[in-house]
Structures are given as structure tokens and as C-alpha cells.
Amino acid sequence: MSQENTNKIAIVTGGSRGLGRNTVLNLAKRGIDSIFTYHSNRAEADQVVAAVREAGRNAIAIQLDTANTSSFDTFAQDVRKALAELGAQRFDFLVNNAGTSLHKAFHETTEAELDAVYAVHFKGVFFLTQKLLPIINDGGRIVNISSGLARFSFPGSSAYACMKGAVEVLTRYLAKELGERRITVNTVAPGAIATDFSGGMVRDNPEVNKLVASMTALGRVGHPDDIGPMIAALLSDDNRWVNAQRIEVSGGMII
């Protein structure tokens, strides 16, 4: 274990499945403990905790609906308790990963659907980060998850992609405003990944899988293990001078 990561702690939202789960596990491989959130499936969260312990690190799962900003005060209190369990008062890394999908044509998208995507993908990220700022260490790192869809246009993704575009702008503003605390803030934008996201569309639909592979330079869809290690590496001290950047991790999708 490298000395730089000793006793470092990450908070990962949506850490019980998909990219969040992979990120938590890869952080554990690098000697980093995690506090991660799950929306409703406690059994999945417990499996991640067990896997982290097998890797010789600690993880604590906390239930959170990132769309419910009124719960953030309670969540912050729960985080402080979890930090105490881990022998710390502050944490080092925040990965804003939790998300939902919406695939719907622009002219069919309702106000309620737009509000729901906004609540999770932008409002939740904005105010959860704000709520946690008092307990992140100076010199810490924040990673916001965006999408390749904020760069290229894929019909049926307008509402979702617009929120990711907003997160990318927020990232640059946070990098500027938190610079005096030496906190770096970057965006990681995955391409199409084979997970259960969007009902497992990329993973389980052969036609979609083939289409994505055909428009990707490396000739296949992405997998969680293409993303988690990259995020963990970005959080390392090797990347301390990377700041305010949008890093797309898509295998060269639609280039």
C-alpha cells in the first residue's frame, strides 16, 4: 500500500451497483476506505461492504435518495458518525455518481420527468456537495460523473444530457471557487457501459450492444472495470495537478 493513501476516505454516491460499486472496490485495492450510498437495495450494499472487507479495507453503506435534498442534513450527520467509526473527522474524496436514466424523445418528455432528472443529476449534486464541504479535507478531490451524451447527441437523451452538461459547468466553477482550499474538481464522462443502468440496455440488448461497439474506436462497449480504476487513479496523488477537466472514458465513442 502506498503511503499517500493511508487512512484516506472516499464518499461515493450510488456505490452499491454499477460504476459506483466498481469505484468503491477499486479504491479499496488502493488502500482507501469508503462511505457509500445506496438507494433501496440494502442486500446489494452489504455485498459491496463484504467485498471491500475481503480486500482488507473498510466500507460503510448509508441509505440516501440524492433527489431528496431535505434529507441531506441527516445524511451529513450519518457521515460524521461513519467517519468516527473509521477513526476520522473528515473525508478526502467525493464521487458524485448516483444517477437515474431517462430515454424519451424531447417532444414526449413531461415536466415531472424533467424535474425528476434535474433533482438527481444536478440539484442533488449541487446541494450534497455544498452540504459536505465543511467535512472534506483541504487538498481533497471531487469527481462528478457526466456522460458522453453531453458531447454528442443521441436521440431520446435530451433531458438527461442537459443535466450532465450542467454538471460539467458546475465542475469548472467548483474548481475555481474551491481552489483556495486546494480541492481539485473534475468531471469523468463515461461512454455507453454494460451495466444494469437504463434497464441493462447496453448490457442485455444485442442490437444496442452491437450498435455501440460499431461507433466506438476500440470496437466494443464499455464495462464497469473500464471506469472504476480510472476514477480511483484520478483521485490519486499522481493526478494532483489535473483540475477543472472533463475526461471522457468511452473507448473513443463517436469520434
Protein backbone atom coordinates (compact mmCIF):
# COMPACT_ATOMS: atom_id res chain seq x y z
CA MET A 1 0.00 0.00 0.00
CA SER A 2 1.35 3.41 -0.92
CA GLN A 3 1.86 5.81 1.95
CA GLU A 4 -0.17 8.57 0.24
CA ASN A 5 -3.41 6.62 0.56
CA THR A 6 -3.05 5.52 4.17
CA ASN A 7 -6.20 6.38 6.11
CA LYS A 8 -7.77 8.18 3.14
CA ILE A 9 -11.58 8.02 2.95
CA ALA A 10 -13.90 8.45 -0.03
CA ILE A 11 -17.62 9.14 -0.23
CA VAL A 12 -19.24 7.58 -3.30
CA THR A 13 -22.90 8.11 -4.07
CA GLY A 14 -24.68 5.22 -5.74
CA GLY A 15 -21.95 2.83 -4.63
CA SER A 16 -23.94 -0.39 -4.35
CA ARG A 17 -24.08 -1.19 -8.07
CA GLY A 18 -22.61 -0.46 -11.49
CA LEU A 19 -19.89 2.15 -11.81
CA GLY A 20 -20.17 3.25 -8.18
CA ARG A 21 -19.66 -0.28 -6.92
CA ASN A 22 -16.66 -0.74 -9.19
CA THR A 23 -15.20 2.55 -7.98
CA VAL A 24 -15.57 1.57 -4.32
CA LEU A 25 -13.86 -1.78 -4.97
CA ASN A 26 -11.00 -0.20 -6.90
CA LEU A 27 -10.49 2.39 -4.19
CA ALA A 28 -10.22 -0.46 -1.70
CA LYS A 29 -7.49 -2.03 -3.85
CA ARG A 30 -5.61 1.24 -3.49
CA GLY A 31 -5.95 1.21 0.29
CA ILE A 32 -8.83 3.70 0.52
CA ASP A 33 -11.87 3.20 2.77
CA SER A 34 -15.30 4.27 1.55
CA ILE A 35 -18.60 5.57 2.79
CA PHE A 36 -21.07 4.92 0.01
CA THR A 37 -24.77 5.42 -0.53
CA TYR A 38 -27.44 3.11 -1.82
CA HIS A 39 -31.00 3.99 -2.78
CA SER A 40 -33.08 1.00 -1.67
CA ASN A 41 -31.31 -2.37 -2.02
CA ARG A 42 -29.58 -2.99 1.30
CA ALA A 43 -28.59 -6.53 0.29
CA GLU A 44 -26.56 -5.23 -2.66
CA ALA A 45 -24.92 -2.66 -0.40
CA ASP A 46 -24.00 -5.35 2.13
CA GLN A 47 -22.36 -7.36 -0.64
CA VAL A 48 -20.15 -4.40 -1.51
CA VAL A 49 -19.20 -3.93 2.15
CA ALA A 50 -18.23 -7.61 2.33
CA ALA A 51 -16.16 -7.39 -0.86
CA VAL A 52 -14.29 -4.35 0.46
CA ARG A 53 -13.53 -6.17 3.70
CA GLU A 54 -12.18 -9.10 1.71
CA ALA A 55 -9.80 -6.61 0.10
CA GLY A 56 -8.60 -5.62 3.58
CA ARG A 57 -10.32 -2.24 3.80
CA ASN A 58 -13.47 -0.83 5.39
CA ALA A 59 -16.69 0.42 3.86
CA ILE A 60 -19.89 1.77 5.39
CA ALA A 61 -23.19 1.91 3.47
CA ILE A 62 -25.75 4.66 4.14
CA GLN A 63 -29.18 4.87 2.54
CA LEU A 64 -29.76 8.09 0.59
CA ASP A 65 -32.08 9.36 -2.10
CA THR A 66 -29.93 12.04 -3.73
CA ALA A 67 -33.07 13.69 -5.13
CA ASN A 68 -34.32 14.42 -1.62
CA THR A 69 -32.34 17.47 -0.56
CA SER A 70 -34.31 17.73 2.70
CA SER A 71 -32.54 14.56 3.87
CA PHE A 72 -29.02 15.95 3.40
CA ASP A 73 -28.69 17.33 6.94
CA THR A 74 -29.43 13.88 8.35
CA PHE A 75 -27.07 12.30 5.83
CA ALA A 76 -24.26 14.65 6.86
CA GLN A 77 -24.81 13.60 10.48
CA ASP A 78 -24.68 9.94 9.41
CA VAL A 79 -21.45 10.62 7.55
CA ARG A 80 -19.90 12.16 10.66
CA LYS A 81 -20.84 9.04 12.63
CA ALA A 82 -19.39 6.80 9.92
CA LEU A 83 -16.19 8.82 9.88
CA ALA A 84 -15.89 8.35 13.64
CA GLU A 85 -16.22 4.58 13.12
CA LEU A 86 -13.35 4.83 10.65
CA GLY A 87 -11.28 6.85 13.11
CA ALA A 88 -11.54 10.16 11.26
CA GLN A 89 -13.29 13.52 11.43
CA ARG A 90 -13.09 14.40 7.75
CA PHE A 91 -13.00 12.64 4.40
CA ASP A 92 -10.78 13.14 1.35
CA PHE A 93 -12.63 12.27 -1.85
CA LEU A 94 -16.19 12.78 -3.10
CA VAL A 95 -17.51 10.94 -6.16
CA ASN A 96 -20.93 12.21 -7.24
CA ASN A 97 -22.00 9.09 -9.12
CA ALA A 98 -25.64 8.33 -8.20
CA GLY A 99 -27.99 8.64 -11.13
CA THR A 100 -31.11 7.55 -12.94
CA SER A 101 -31.80 7.26 -16.64
CA LEU A 102 -34.44 8.75 -18.90
CA HIS A 103 -34.74 7.76 -22.54
CA LYS A 104 -37.54 9.75 -24.07
CA ALA A 105 -37.98 11.95 -27.12
CA PHE A 106 -37.87 15.69 -26.45
CA HIS A 107 -41.49 16.23 -27.52
CA GLU A 108 -42.71 13.45 -25.23
CA THR A 109 -40.79 14.44 -22.08
CA THR A 110 -43.07 15.70 -19.32
CA GLU A 111 -42.39 18.42 -16.78
CA ALA A 112 -42.45 15.83 -13.99
CA GLU A 113 -39.85 13.70 -15.80
CA LEU A 114 -37.60 16.70 -16.37
CA ASP A 115 -37.92 17.71 -12.72
CA ALA A 116 -37.01 14.19 -11.60
CA VAL A 117 -33.86 14.09 -13.72
CA TYR A 118 -32.92 17.59 -12.57
CA ALA A 119 -33.37 16.63 -8.91
CA VAL A 120 -30.98 13.69 -9.12
CA HIS A 121 -28.41 14.78 -11.67
CA PHE A 122 -27.97 18.46 -10.91
CA LYS A 123 -29.80 19.78 -7.85
CA GLY A 124 -28.77 16.77 -5.76
CA VAL A 125 -25.13 17.02 -6.86
CA PHE A 126 -25.08 20.78 -6.21
CA PHE A 127 -26.51 20.71 -2.70
CA LEU A 128 -24.98 17.46 -1.50
CA THR A 129 -21.53 18.74 -2.42
CA GLN A 130 -22.34 22.01 -0.67
CA LYS A 131 -23.51 20.15 2.45
CA LEU A 132 -20.33 18.06 2.62
CA LEU A 133 -17.83 20.87 2.07
CA PRO A 134 -17.33 21.53 5.80
CA ILE A 135 -16.05 17.98 6.35
CA ILE A 136 -13.91 17.38 3.27
CA ASN A 137 -10.21 17.85 3.88
CA ASP A 138 -8.35 20.74 2.32
CA GLY A 139 -6.40 19.24 -0.56
CA GLY A 140 -9.22 16.81 -1.23
CA ARG A 141 -10.68 15.81 -4.58
CA ILE A 142 -14.15 15.82 -6.10
CA VAL A 143 -15.20 13.85 -9.18
CA ASN A 144 -18.54 14.49 -10.83
CA ILE A 145 -19.89 11.87 -13.23
CA SER A 146 -21.19 13.11 -16.56
CA SER A 147 -21.75 11.24 -19.83
CA GLY A 148 -20.54 11.08 -23.39
CA LEU A 149 -24.06 12.27 -24.19
CA ALA A 150 -23.05 15.78 -23.08
CA ARG A 151 -20.64 15.87 -26.05
CA PHE A 152 -22.59 14.09 -28.79
CA SER A 153 -26.32 13.98 -29.41
CA PHE A 154 -28.22 10.70 -29.27
CA PRO A 155 -31.98 10.97 -29.85
CA GLY A 156 -34.07 10.39 -26.74
CA SER A 157 -31.47 11.68 -24.29
CA SER A 158 -32.06 15.44 -24.28
CA ALA A 159 -33.24 15.85 -20.66
CA TYR A 160 -30.58 13.56 -19.19
CA ALA A 161 -27.78 15.00 -21.33
CA CYS A 162 -28.69 18.60 -20.46
CA MET A 163 -28.32 17.86 -16.75
CA LYS A 164 -24.93 16.30 -17.38
CA GLY A 165 -23.94 19.41 -19.31
CA ALA A 166 -24.93 21.48 -16.28
CA VAL A 167 -22.76 19.29 -14.04
CA GLU A 168 -19.80 19.88 -16.33
CA VAL A 169 -20.20 23.65 -15.98
CA LEU A 170 -20.60 23.26 -12.22
CA THR A 171 -17.35 21.31 -12.12
CA ARG A 172 -15.39 24.23 -13.54
CA TYR A 173 -16.97 26.70 -11.14
CA LEU A 174 -16.27 24.46 -8.16
CA ALA A 175 -12.65 24.05 -9.25
CA LYS A 176 -12.28 27.83 -9.29
CA GLU A 177 -14.10 28.52 -6.03
CA LEU A 178 -12.52 25.67 -4.06
CA GLY A 179 -9.02 26.32 -5.34
CA GLU A 180 -8.10 28.29 -2.23
CA ARG A 181 -8.65 25.07 -0.27
CA ARG A 182 -6.53 23.12 -2.78
CA ILE A 183 -9.54 20.92 -3.64
CA THR A 184 -9.48 19.71 -7.24
CA VAL A 185 -12.76 19.12 -9.09
CA ASN A 186 -13.00 17.14 -12.32
CA THR A 187 -15.63 15.50 -14.49
CA VAL A 188 -15.45 11.90 -15.66
CA ALA A 189 -17.73 11.23 -18.64
CA PRO A 190 -18.22 7.52 -19.39
CA GLY A 191 -19.49 6.31 -22.72
CA ALA A 192 -22.06 3.52 -23.02
CA ILE A 193 -21.30 0.95 -20.31
CA ALA A 194 -22.67 -2.57 -19.91
CA THR A 195 -24.40 -2.32 -16.52
CA ASP A 196 -28.00 -2.51 -15.29
CA PHE A 197 -28.30 1.25 -15.96
CA SER A 198 -31.22 2.07 -18.27
CA GLY A 199 -32.67 -1.35 -17.57
CA GLY A 200 -29.49 -3.07 -18.73
CA MET A 201 -29.99 -1.71 -22.26
CA VAL A 202 -26.34 -1.75 -23.33
CA ARG A 203 -25.54 -4.97 -21.49
CA ASP A 204 -28.59 -7.06 -22.38
CA ASN A 205 -29.83 -5.81 -25.75
CA PRO A 206 -27.68 -7.41 -28.51
CA GLU A 207 -28.71 -4.80 -31.08
CA VAL A 208 -27.77 -1.87 -28.84
CA ASN A 209 -24.55 -3.59 -27.82
CA LYS A 210 -23.58 -4.10 -31.46
CA LEU A 211 -24.51 -0.51 -32.38
CA VAL A 212 -22.39 0.96 -29.59
CA ALA A 213 -19.44 -1.28 -30.49
CA SER A 214 -19.70 -0.19 -34.13
CA MET A 215 -19.37 3.50 -33.24
CA THR A 216 -16.53 3.02 -30.74
CA ALA A 217 -12.92 3.18 -31.90
CA LEU A 218 -11.87 0.25 -29.71
CA GLY A 219 -14.68 -1.87 -31.13
CA ARG A 220 -16.67 -2.84 -28.04
CA VAL A 221 -18.96 -1.45 -25.36
CA GLY A 222 -17.50 -0.29 -22.08
CA HIS A 223 -17.52 -2.30 -18.85
CA PRO A 224 -17.54 -1.13 -15.23
CA ASP A 225 -13.91 -2.19 -14.86
CA ASP A 226 -13.01 0.30 -17.59
CA ILE A 227 -14.29 3.14 -15.40
CA GLY A 228 -13.75 2.33 -11.71
CA PRO A 229 -9.95 2.01 -11.94
CA MET A 230 -9.76 5.26 -13.90
CA ILE A 231 -11.70 7.17 -11.23
CA ALA A 232 -9.56 5.64 -8.48
CA ALA A 233 -6.42 6.64 -10.38
CA LEU A 234 -7.72 10.19 -10.91
CA LEU A 235 -8.13 10.51 -7.15
CA SER A 236 -4.52 9.52 -6.52
CA ASP A 237 -1.76 11.99 -5.84
CA ASP A 238 -0.30 11.18 -9.26
CA ASN A 239 -3.10 13.33 -10.72
CA ARG A 240 -2.92 16.18 -8.21
CA TRP A 241 -2.40 18.78 -10.98
CA VAL A 242 -5.44 17.70 -13.01
CA ASN A 243 -8.19 20.20 -12.26
CA ALA A 244 -11.37 21.58 -13.87
CA GLN A 245 -11.17 18.95 -16.64
CA ARG A 246 -13.74 16.87 -18.46
CA ILE A 247 -12.24 13.44 -19.08
CA GLU A 248 -14.25 11.20 -21.36
CA VAL A 249 -13.75 7.46 -20.81
CA SER A 250 -15.56 5.93 -23.75
CA GLY A 251 -13.04 3.96 -25.77
CA GLY A 252 -13.33 6.61 -28.46
CA MET A 253 -17.09 6.66 -28.98
CA ILE A 254 -18.36 8.75 -31.91
CA ILE A 255 -15.09 10.45 -32.82
